[in-house]
Amino acid sequence: MIKALAEVTGYQDGWLSLACQQQTSCGSCQSQSTCGTGIVSKALPGKVKHLKVRAPKPLPAGTLVEIGLGEATLLRSALLVYMVPLVMMLTGALLGQFLFATLAGSGEGGIIALSLGLGAVGVYLARHLAPRIGTQEQQQPQLLRVMGEPVSDLSVINTTQQDSD
C-alpha cells in the first residue's frame, strides 16, 4: 500500500475533505545540491492535492491523517496509461512502414502520421478503459489511521537557541 499524510479540511456526509502535499522524488539522490531540478523543487512550494475519503466519523479541520492507495490498482492504472498508447503507436509505425514504405514507396511522412494517429487513438482508449480497471472503492484512497492534531504555532519550542547555562 502506498501511504501519504494529509490534513483534514472539512467533513460532509461521511466524507472527509483532505489536502495532501504532492511528493516528488527529487531530493533523494546524491546530487540534489548541484542538480537544477533539485534546486528548483526546493525553491518552489509543492502542489497541494485536494481529495475526499470516506470516514466513519467526523474529524476536526487541521487533523493529520494517513491515507493509502493499493499498489495493485496503481500499477494496473500505470500499465494501462503508458502501455496502450505505446503499443498503438508502435503498431502505427509498423503498419505505416508496411503500407507507405513497402506498398506505396513513399517517404517517412506517412509512417510518422499513422504512428502519431494510432498513438492518439491509444490515449483515447486508455482514458475510456481506465475507469473499468477496478471498482470505485479500489481506486479511492482509504483512511488508514488518524495521526492527531498538528502542534499549534504557539507551543512550538525554538530548538535553534541554546540555554545560557
N, C-alpha and C. Protein backbone atom coordinates (compact mmCIF):
# COMPACT_ATOMS: atom_id res chain seq x y z
N MET A 1 0.84 -1.17 0.00
CA MET A 1 0.00 0.00 0.00
C MET A 1 0.89 1.24 0.00
N ILE A 2 0.56 2.18 -0.85
CA ILE A 2 1.28 3.45 -0.93
C ILE A 2 0.61 4.41 0.03
N LYS A 3 1.40 4.98 0.94
CA LYS A 3 0.85 5.80 2.01
C LYS A 3 1.30 7.25 1.88
N ALA A 4 0.47 8.16 2.42
CA ALA A 4 0.80 9.58 2.43
C ALA A 4 0.08 10.23 3.61
N LEU A 5 0.61 11.35 4.05
CA LEU A 5 -0.03 12.13 5.10
C LEU A 5 -0.88 13.22 4.46
N ALA A 6 -2.01 13.50 5.09
CA ALA A 6 -2.90 14.54 4.59
C ALA A 6 -3.49 15.29 5.78
N GLU A 7 -3.99 16.47 5.50
CA GLU A 7 -4.61 17.30 6.53
C GLU A 7 -6.09 17.44 6.24
N VAL A 8 -6.91 17.25 7.27
CA VAL A 8 -8.36 17.35 7.13
C VAL A 8 -8.73 18.82 6.94
N THR A 9 -9.53 19.11 5.92
CA THR A 9 -10.01 20.46 5.69
C THR A 9 -11.51 20.60 5.93
N GLY A 10 -12.22 19.46 6.02
CA GLY A 10 -13.65 19.52 6.27
C GLY A 10 -14.27 18.14 6.31
N TYR A 11 -15.56 18.10 6.66
CA TYR A 11 -16.29 16.83 6.72
C TYR A 11 -17.72 17.10 6.27
N GLN A 12 -18.23 16.21 5.39
CA GLN A 12 -19.61 16.36 4.94
C GLN A 12 -20.15 15.01 4.48
N ASP A 13 -21.27 14.60 5.03
CA ASP A 13 -22.00 13.40 4.63
C ASP A 13 -21.13 12.14 4.59
N GLY A 14 -20.29 11.94 5.60
CA GLY A 14 -19.47 10.72 5.66
C GLY A 14 -18.18 10.79 4.87
N TRP A 15 -17.86 11.94 4.31
CA TRP A 15 -16.63 12.10 3.52
C TRP A 15 -15.76 13.18 4.14
N LEU A 16 -14.47 12.87 4.31
CA LEU A 16 -13.50 13.86 4.77
C LEU A 16 -12.90 14.56 3.56
N SER A 17 -12.81 15.87 3.61
CA SER A 17 -12.09 16.62 2.59
C SER A 17 -10.66 16.77 3.09
N LEU A 18 -9.70 16.39 2.25
CA LEU A 18 -8.30 16.38 2.65
C LEU A 18 -7.45 17.23 1.71
N ALA A 19 -6.38 17.77 2.25
CA ALA A 19 -5.36 18.44 1.46
C ALA A 19 -4.07 17.66 1.66
N CYS A 20 -3.48 17.23 0.56
CA CYS A 20 -2.30 16.37 0.61
C CYS A 20 -1.19 17.01 -0.22
N GLN A 21 -0.02 17.16 0.37
CA GLN A 21 1.13 17.73 -0.34
C GLN A 21 1.66 16.70 -1.32
N GLN A 22 1.77 17.08 -2.60
CA GLN A 22 2.29 16.15 -3.60
C GLN A 22 3.76 15.94 -3.37
N GLN A 23 4.18 14.68 -3.28
CA GLN A 23 5.57 14.34 -3.03
C GLN A 23 6.29 14.12 -4.35
N THR A 24 7.51 14.63 -4.42
CA THR A 24 8.33 14.39 -5.60
C THR A 24 9.51 13.51 -5.20
N SER A 25 10.09 12.85 -6.16
CA SER A 25 11.24 12.01 -5.87
C SER A 25 12.52 12.85 -5.80
N CYS A 26 12.43 14.10 -6.18
CA CYS A 26 13.60 14.96 -6.16
C CYS A 26 14.04 15.21 -4.72
N GLY A 27 15.31 15.23 -4.50
CA GLY A 27 15.83 15.47 -3.17
C GLY A 27 16.29 14.19 -2.49
N SER A 28 16.17 13.06 -3.17
CA SER A 28 16.56 11.81 -2.54
C SER A 28 17.88 11.26 -3.10
N CYS A 29 18.47 11.93 -4.08
CA CYS A 29 19.71 11.40 -4.66
C CYS A 29 20.92 12.17 -4.14
N GLN A 30 22.09 11.71 -4.50
CA GLN A 30 23.34 12.30 -4.03
C GLN A 30 23.61 13.68 -4.62
N SER A 31 23.14 13.93 -5.82
CA SER A 31 23.46 15.19 -6.49
C SER A 31 22.38 16.25 -6.35
N GLN A 32 21.60 16.20 -5.28
CA GLN A 32 20.48 17.12 -5.11
C GLN A 32 20.94 18.57 -4.96
N SER A 33 22.15 18.80 -4.43
CA SER A 33 22.61 20.18 -4.22
C SER A 33 23.13 20.81 -5.50
N THR A 34 23.52 20.01 -6.49
CA THR A 34 24.04 20.56 -7.74
C THR A 34 23.08 20.39 -8.91
N CYS A 35 22.02 19.65 -8.72
CA CYS A 35 21.06 19.41 -9.79
C CYS A 35 20.11 20.59 -9.91
N GLY A 36 19.87 21.04 -11.11
CA GLY A 36 18.95 22.16 -11.32
C GLY A 36 17.53 21.85 -10.92
N THR A 37 17.08 20.65 -11.21
CA THR A 37 15.72 20.26 -10.84
C THR A 37 15.56 20.19 -9.33
N GLY A 38 16.56 19.68 -8.63
CA GLY A 38 16.50 19.61 -7.17
C GLY A 38 16.47 20.98 -6.53
N ILE A 39 17.23 21.91 -7.07
CA ILE A 39 17.26 23.27 -6.54
C ILE A 39 15.92 23.96 -6.76
N VAL A 40 15.36 23.79 -7.95
CA VAL A 40 14.06 24.40 -8.25
C VAL A 40 12.96 23.80 -7.38
N SER A 41 12.99 22.48 -7.15
CA SER A 41 11.95 21.85 -6.34
C SER A 41 12.02 22.30 -4.88
N LYS A 42 13.21 22.66 -4.41
CA LYS A 42 13.32 23.19 -3.05
C LYS A 42 12.80 24.61 -2.97
N ALA A 43 12.99 25.39 -4.04
CA ALA A 43 12.61 26.80 -4.03
C ALA A 43 11.10 26.99 -4.19
N LEU A 44 10.47 26.15 -4.99
CA LEU A 44 9.04 26.30 -5.23
C LEU A 44 8.25 25.42 -4.29
N PRO A 45 7.13 25.91 -3.81
CA PRO A 45 6.30 25.06 -2.94
C PRO A 45 5.68 23.93 -3.74
N GLY A 46 5.47 22.80 -3.08
CA GLY A 46 4.87 21.65 -3.74
C GLY A 46 3.39 21.88 -4.01
N LYS A 47 2.86 21.11 -4.93
CA LYS A 47 1.43 21.21 -5.24
C LYS A 47 0.62 20.54 -4.14
N VAL A 48 -0.52 21.13 -3.86
CA VAL A 48 -1.43 20.56 -2.88
C VAL A 48 -2.60 19.94 -3.62
N LYS A 49 -2.83 18.66 -3.38
CA LYS A 49 -3.95 17.93 -3.99
C LYS A 49 -5.10 17.87 -3.00
N HIS A 50 -6.30 18.14 -3.48
CA HIS A 50 -7.49 18.06 -2.64
C HIS A 50 -8.26 16.81 -3.04
N LEU A 51 -8.62 16.00 -2.06
CA LEU A 51 -9.35 14.78 -2.34
C LEU A 51 -10.31 14.48 -1.20
N LYS A 52 -11.18 13.51 -1.45
CA LYS A 52 -12.17 13.11 -0.46
C LYS A 52 -11.99 11.64 -0.13
N VAL A 53 -12.16 11.32 1.15
CA VAL A 53 -12.00 9.96 1.64
C VAL A 53 -13.18 9.65 2.56
N ARG A 54 -13.75 8.47 2.42
CA ARG A 54 -14.85 8.07 3.29
C ARG A 54 -14.31 7.86 4.71
N ALA A 55 -15.05 8.39 5.70
CA ALA A 55 -14.63 8.29 7.09
C ALA A 55 -15.81 7.86 7.96
N PRO A 56 -15.55 7.02 8.96
CA PRO A 56 -16.64 6.57 9.83
C PRO A 56 -17.17 7.65 10.76
N LYS A 57 -16.33 8.62 11.09
CA LYS A 57 -16.74 9.69 11.99
C LYS A 57 -16.08 11.00 11.58
N PRO A 58 -16.71 12.12 11.93
CA PRO A 58 -16.11 13.41 11.56
C PRO A 58 -14.84 13.69 12.37
N LEU A 59 -13.92 14.38 11.73
CA LEU A 59 -12.68 14.80 12.38
C LEU A 59 -12.57 16.32 12.24
N PRO A 60 -12.02 16.98 13.24
CA PRO A 60 -11.90 18.43 13.14
C PRO A 60 -10.88 18.85 12.07
N ALA A 61 -11.10 20.02 11.50
CA ALA A 61 -10.18 20.54 10.49
C ALA A 61 -8.80 20.72 11.10
N GLY A 62 -7.77 20.40 10.34
CA GLY A 62 -6.40 20.51 10.80
C GLY A 62 -5.83 19.21 11.32
N THR A 63 -6.66 18.18 11.47
CA THR A 63 -6.19 16.89 11.95
C THR A 63 -5.36 16.20 10.86
N LEU A 64 -4.24 15.63 11.26
CA LEU A 64 -3.40 14.89 10.32
C LEU A 64 -3.87 13.44 10.26
N VAL A 65 -3.99 12.91 9.06
CA VAL A 65 -4.40 11.53 8.85
C VAL A 65 -3.44 10.87 7.87
N GLU A 66 -3.40 9.55 7.92
CA GLU A 66 -2.61 8.78 6.96
C GLU A 66 -3.59 8.11 6.01
N ILE A 67 -3.36 8.30 4.72
CA ILE A 67 -4.20 7.69 3.71
C ILE A 67 -3.36 6.72 2.88
N GLY A 68 -4.02 5.80 2.22
CA GLY A 68 -3.29 4.81 1.43
C GLY A 68 -4.07 4.40 0.19
N LEU A 69 -3.33 4.00 -0.82
CA LEU A 69 -3.90 3.51 -2.07
C LEU A 69 -3.23 2.18 -2.40
N GLY A 70 -4.03 1.20 -2.77
CA GLY A 70 -3.49 -0.12 -3.08
C GLY A 70 -2.52 -0.09 -4.25
N GLU A 71 -1.43 -0.81 -4.10
CA GLU A 71 -0.39 -0.83 -5.14
C GLU A 71 -0.88 -1.50 -6.42
N ALA A 72 -1.68 -2.53 -6.29
CA ALA A 72 -2.15 -3.26 -7.47
C ALA A 72 -2.97 -2.34 -8.38
N THR A 73 -3.84 -1.54 -7.79
CA THR A 73 -4.65 -0.62 -8.57
C THR A 73 -3.78 0.41 -9.27
N LEU A 74 -2.81 0.93 -8.54
CA LEU A 74 -1.92 1.94 -9.13
C LEU A 74 -1.08 1.35 -10.26
N LEU A 75 -0.59 0.14 -10.07
CA LEU A 75 0.22 -0.50 -11.11
C LEU A 75 -0.60 -0.82 -12.36
N ARG A 76 -1.83 -1.29 -12.16
CA ARG A 76 -2.69 -1.57 -13.32
C ARG A 76 -3.01 -0.29 -14.07
N SER A 77 -3.26 0.78 -13.34
CA SER A 77 -3.56 2.06 -13.99
C SER A 77 -2.35 2.57 -14.78
N ALA A 78 -1.18 2.50 -14.17
CA ALA A 78 0.04 2.96 -14.84
C ALA A 78 0.33 2.12 -16.08
N LEU A 79 0.14 0.81 -15.97
CA LEU A 79 0.36 -0.07 -17.11
C LEU A 79 -0.57 0.30 -18.25
N LEU A 80 -1.83 0.53 -17.95
CA LEU A 80 -2.80 0.89 -18.97
C LEU A 80 -2.48 2.23 -19.60
N VAL A 81 -2.21 3.22 -18.79
CA VAL A 81 -1.99 4.58 -19.28
C VAL A 81 -0.72 4.70 -20.12
N TYR A 82 0.30 3.93 -19.78
CA TYR A 82 1.56 4.02 -20.54
C TYR A 82 1.64 3.02 -21.69
N MET A 83 1.18 1.80 -21.47
CA MET A 83 1.41 0.76 -22.47
C MET A 83 0.42 0.79 -23.64
N VAL A 84 -0.84 1.12 -23.40
CA VAL A 84 -1.80 1.11 -24.51
C VAL A 84 -1.41 2.14 -25.57
N PRO A 85 -1.12 3.41 -25.22
CA PRO A 85 -0.69 4.34 -26.27
C PRO A 85 0.63 3.93 -26.93
N LEU A 86 1.56 3.38 -26.15
CA LEU A 86 2.85 2.97 -26.72
C LEU A 86 2.67 1.82 -27.71
N VAL A 87 1.89 0.83 -27.34
CA VAL A 87 1.65 -0.31 -28.25
C VAL A 87 0.91 0.17 -29.51
N MET A 88 -0.06 1.05 -29.34
CA MET A 88 -0.78 1.57 -30.51
C MET A 88 0.15 2.38 -31.41
N MET A 89 1.05 3.16 -30.81
CA MET A 89 1.98 3.96 -31.60
C MET A 89 2.95 3.06 -32.37
N LEU A 90 3.46 2.02 -31.71
CA LEU A 90 4.35 1.09 -32.41
C LEU A 90 3.61 0.32 -33.50
N THR A 91 2.36 -0.02 -33.25
CA THR A 91 1.55 -0.68 -34.28
C THR A 91 1.36 0.24 -35.47
N GLY A 92 1.14 1.52 -35.20
CA GLY A 92 1.01 2.50 -36.28
C GLY A 92 2.29 2.63 -37.08
N ALA A 93 3.43 2.59 -36.40
CA ALA A 93 4.71 2.68 -37.10
C ALA A 93 4.94 1.46 -37.99
N LEU A 94 4.65 0.27 -37.46
CA LEU A 94 4.83 -0.95 -38.26
C LEU A 94 3.85 -1.01 -39.43
N LEU A 95 2.61 -0.66 -39.16
CA LEU A 95 1.60 -0.64 -40.22
C LEU A 95 1.95 0.42 -41.28
N GLY A 96 2.40 1.57 -40.81
CA GLY A 96 2.81 2.63 -41.74
C GLY A 96 4.01 2.22 -42.57
N GLN A 97 4.95 1.52 -41.96
CA GLN A 97 6.12 1.03 -42.69
C GLN A 97 5.68 0.08 -43.81
N PHE A 98 4.74 -0.79 -43.48
CA PHE A 98 4.25 -1.74 -44.47
C PHE A 98 3.45 -1.03 -45.57
N LEU A 99 2.51 -0.16 -45.17
CA LEU A 99 1.63 0.49 -46.15
C LEU A 99 2.35 1.53 -47.00
N PHE A 100 3.08 2.42 -46.35
CA PHE A 100 3.65 3.56 -47.07
C PHE A 100 5.01 3.26 -47.68
N ALA A 101 5.87 2.58 -46.96
CA ALA A 101 7.21 2.35 -47.48
C ALA A 101 7.25 1.16 -48.43
N THR A 102 6.60 0.08 -48.07
CA THR A 102 6.68 -1.13 -48.89
C THR A 102 5.74 -1.07 -50.08
N LEU A 103 4.46 -0.80 -49.85
CA LEU A 103 3.47 -0.83 -50.92
C LEU A 103 3.47 0.44 -51.77
N ALA A 104 3.48 1.60 -51.13
CA ALA A 104 3.36 2.86 -51.87
C ALA A 104 4.71 3.43 -52.28
N GLY A 105 5.77 3.04 -51.60
CA GLY A 105 7.10 3.54 -51.93
C GLY A 105 7.30 5.00 -51.57
N SER A 106 6.53 5.52 -50.63
CA SER A 106 6.67 6.92 -50.24
C SER A 106 7.61 7.06 -49.06
N GLY A 107 7.79 8.29 -48.61
CA GLY A 107 8.74 8.59 -47.54
C GLY A 107 8.20 8.30 -46.14
N GLU A 108 8.86 8.93 -45.18
CA GLU A 108 8.57 8.67 -43.77
C GLU A 108 7.39 9.48 -43.24
N GLY A 109 6.91 10.44 -43.98
CA GLY A 109 5.82 11.29 -43.50
C GLY A 109 4.56 10.50 -43.17
N GLY A 110 4.19 9.59 -44.03
CA GLY A 110 3.01 8.76 -43.79
C GLY A 110 3.19 7.83 -42.60
N ILE A 111 4.40 7.32 -42.44
CA ILE A 111 4.69 6.44 -41.30
C ILE A 111 4.54 7.20 -39.99
N ILE A 112 5.12 8.40 -39.96
CA ILE A 112 5.05 9.22 -38.75
C ILE A 112 3.61 9.63 -38.46
N ALA A 113 2.87 10.03 -39.48
CA ALA A 113 1.48 10.45 -39.29
C ALA A 113 0.62 9.30 -38.77
N LEU A 114 0.77 8.12 -39.35
CA LEU A 114 -0.02 6.97 -38.90
C LEU A 114 0.37 6.56 -37.49
N SER A 115 1.65 6.63 -37.17
CA SER A 115 2.11 6.30 -35.83
C SER A 115 1.54 7.26 -34.80
N LEU A 116 1.58 8.56 -35.09
CA LEU A 116 1.02 9.55 -34.17
C LEU A 116 -0.50 9.42 -34.06
N GLY A 117 -1.14 9.12 -35.18
CA GLY A 117 -2.59 8.96 -35.16
C GLY A 117 -3.03 7.79 -34.30
N LEU A 118 -2.36 6.65 -34.46
CA LEU A 118 -2.71 5.49 -33.63
C LEU A 118 -2.28 5.69 -32.18
N GLY A 119 -1.23 6.48 -31.96
CA GLY A 119 -0.86 6.84 -30.59
C GLY A 119 -1.97 7.65 -29.92
N ALA A 120 -2.57 8.58 -30.66
CA ALA A 120 -3.69 9.37 -30.14
C ALA A 120 -4.90 8.48 -29.87
N VAL A 121 -5.15 7.51 -30.75
CA VAL A 121 -6.23 6.55 -30.51
C VAL A 121 -5.94 5.75 -29.23
N GLY A 122 -4.68 5.41 -29.01
CA GLY A 122 -4.29 4.70 -27.78
C GLY A 122 -4.55 5.52 -26.53
N VAL A 123 -4.28 6.81 -26.59
CA VAL A 123 -4.57 7.70 -25.45
C VAL A 123 -6.07 7.73 -25.20
N TYR A 124 -6.86 7.83 -26.26
CA TYR A 124 -8.32 7.84 -26.14
C TYR A 124 -8.81 6.53 -25.52
N LEU A 125 -8.28 5.41 -25.99
CA LEU A 125 -8.67 4.11 -25.43
C LEU A 125 -8.29 3.99 -23.95
N ALA A 126 -7.10 4.45 -23.60
CA ALA A 126 -6.65 4.37 -22.21
C ALA A 126 -7.55 5.20 -21.30
N ARG A 127 -7.98 6.36 -21.79
CA ARG A 127 -8.86 7.21 -20.97
C ARG A 127 -10.20 6.53 -20.72
N HIS A 128 -10.71 5.82 -21.70
CA HIS A 128 -12.01 5.19 -21.54
C HIS A 128 -11.93 3.83 -20.85
N LEU A 129 -10.77 3.19 -20.88
CA LEU A 129 -10.62 1.91 -20.19
C LEU A 129 -10.21 2.08 -18.72
N ALA A 130 -9.61 3.22 -18.39
CA ALA A 130 -9.11 3.44 -17.02
C ALA A 130 -10.18 3.30 -15.94
N PRO A 131 -11.39 3.83 -16.11
CA PRO A 131 -12.39 3.66 -15.05
C PRO A 131 -12.83 2.20 -14.85
N ARG A 132 -12.57 1.35 -15.81
CA ARG A 132 -13.01 -0.05 -15.72
C ARG A 132 -11.96 -0.98 -15.12
N ILE A 133 -10.83 -0.43 -14.71
CA ILE A 133 -9.74 -1.27 -14.19
C ILE A 133 -10.14 -1.96 -12.89
N GLY A 134 -10.73 -1.23 -12.00
CA GLY A 134 -11.14 -1.79 -10.72
C GLY A 134 -12.43 -1.13 -10.28
N THR A 135 -12.91 -1.55 -9.15
CA THR A 135 -14.12 -0.93 -8.62
C THR A 135 -13.80 0.48 -8.13
N GLN A 136 -14.82 1.26 -7.93
CA GLN A 136 -14.65 2.63 -7.45
C GLN A 136 -13.96 2.63 -6.08
N GLU A 137 -14.27 1.64 -5.25
CA GLU A 137 -13.66 1.56 -3.93
C GLU A 137 -12.16 1.26 -4.02
N GLN A 138 -11.75 0.46 -5.00
CA GLN A 138 -10.33 0.16 -5.16
C GLN A 138 -9.54 1.37 -5.64
N GLN A 139 -10.18 2.24 -6.40
CA GLN A 139 -9.50 3.41 -6.93
C GLN A 139 -9.52 4.59 -5.97
N GLN A 140 -10.28 4.48 -4.90
CA GLN A 140 -10.42 5.55 -3.92
C GLN A 140 -9.39 5.36 -2.80
N PRO A 141 -8.65 6.41 -2.42
CA PRO A 141 -7.75 6.28 -1.28
C PRO A 141 -8.54 5.93 -0.01
N GLN A 142 -7.89 5.23 0.90
CA GLN A 142 -8.54 4.81 2.13
C GLN A 142 -7.91 5.51 3.33
N LEU A 143 -8.73 5.78 4.32
CA LEU A 143 -8.24 6.35 5.57
C LEU A 143 -7.63 5.21 6.38
N LEU A 144 -6.33 5.28 6.64
CA LEU A 144 -5.64 4.22 7.36
C LEU A 144 -5.64 4.46 8.86
N ARG A 145 -5.25 5.67 9.26
CA ARG A 145 -5.25 5.99 10.69
C ARG A 145 -5.24 7.49 10.90
N VAL A 146 -5.67 7.89 12.07
CA VAL A 146 -5.68 9.30 12.45
C VAL A 146 -4.40 9.56 13.24
N MET A 147 -3.62 10.51 12.77
CA MET A 147 -2.34 10.81 13.40
C MET A 147 -2.51 11.76 14.59
N GLY A 148 -3.50 12.61 14.53
CA GLY A 148 -3.71 13.59 15.60
C GLY A 148 -3.68 14.99 15.06
N GLU A 149 -3.90 15.93 15.96
CA GLU A 149 -3.91 17.32 15.56
C GLU A 149 -2.49 17.85 15.51
N PRO A 150 -2.19 18.74 14.57
CA PRO A 150 -0.83 19.29 14.50
C PRO A 150 -0.56 20.18 15.70
N VAL A 151 0.70 20.32 16.03
CA VAL A 151 1.10 21.17 17.14
C VAL A 151 0.86 22.62 16.74
N SER A 152 0.25 23.39 17.62
CA SER A 152 -0.03 24.79 17.29
C SER A 152 1.27 25.58 17.27
N ASP A 153 1.25 26.69 16.57
CA ASP A 153 2.44 27.53 16.44
C ASP A 153 2.88 28.10 17.78
N LEU A 154 1.97 28.29 18.71
CA LEU A 154 2.31 28.88 20.00
C LEU A 154 3.10 27.94 20.89
N SER A 155 2.91 26.65 20.73
CA SER A 155 3.57 25.71 21.63
C SER A 155 4.85 25.11 21.04
N VAL A 156 5.27 25.54 19.88
CA VAL A 156 6.50 25.03 19.28
C VAL A 156 7.69 25.65 19.99
N ILE A 157 8.62 24.82 20.40
CA ILE A 157 9.81 25.30 21.10
C ILE A 157 10.89 25.55 20.06
N ASN A 158 11.54 26.69 20.15
CA ASN A 158 12.60 27.03 19.23
C ASN A 158 13.84 26.25 19.62
N THR A 159 14.21 25.25 18.85
CA THR A 159 15.33 24.38 19.19
C THR A 159 16.66 24.91 18.69
N THR A 160 16.66 26.02 17.97
CA THR A 160 17.94 26.54 17.47
C THR A 160 18.66 27.35 18.52
N GLN A 161 17.97 27.81 19.56
CA GLN A 161 18.63 28.56 20.63
C GLN A 161 19.03 27.62 21.74
N GLN A 162 20.20 27.86 22.30
CA GLN A 162 20.68 27.04 23.40
C GLN A 162 20.43 27.74 24.73
N ASP A 163 20.38 26.96 25.79
CA ASP A 163 20.23 27.54 27.12
C ASP A 163 21.49 28.30 27.48
N SER A 164 21.37 29.25 28.37
CA SER A 164 22.52 30.07 28.75
C SER A 164 23.25 29.51 29.95
N ASP A 165 23.04 28.25 30.30
CA ASP A 165 23.70 27.66 31.47
C ASP A 165 25.16 27.63 31.32
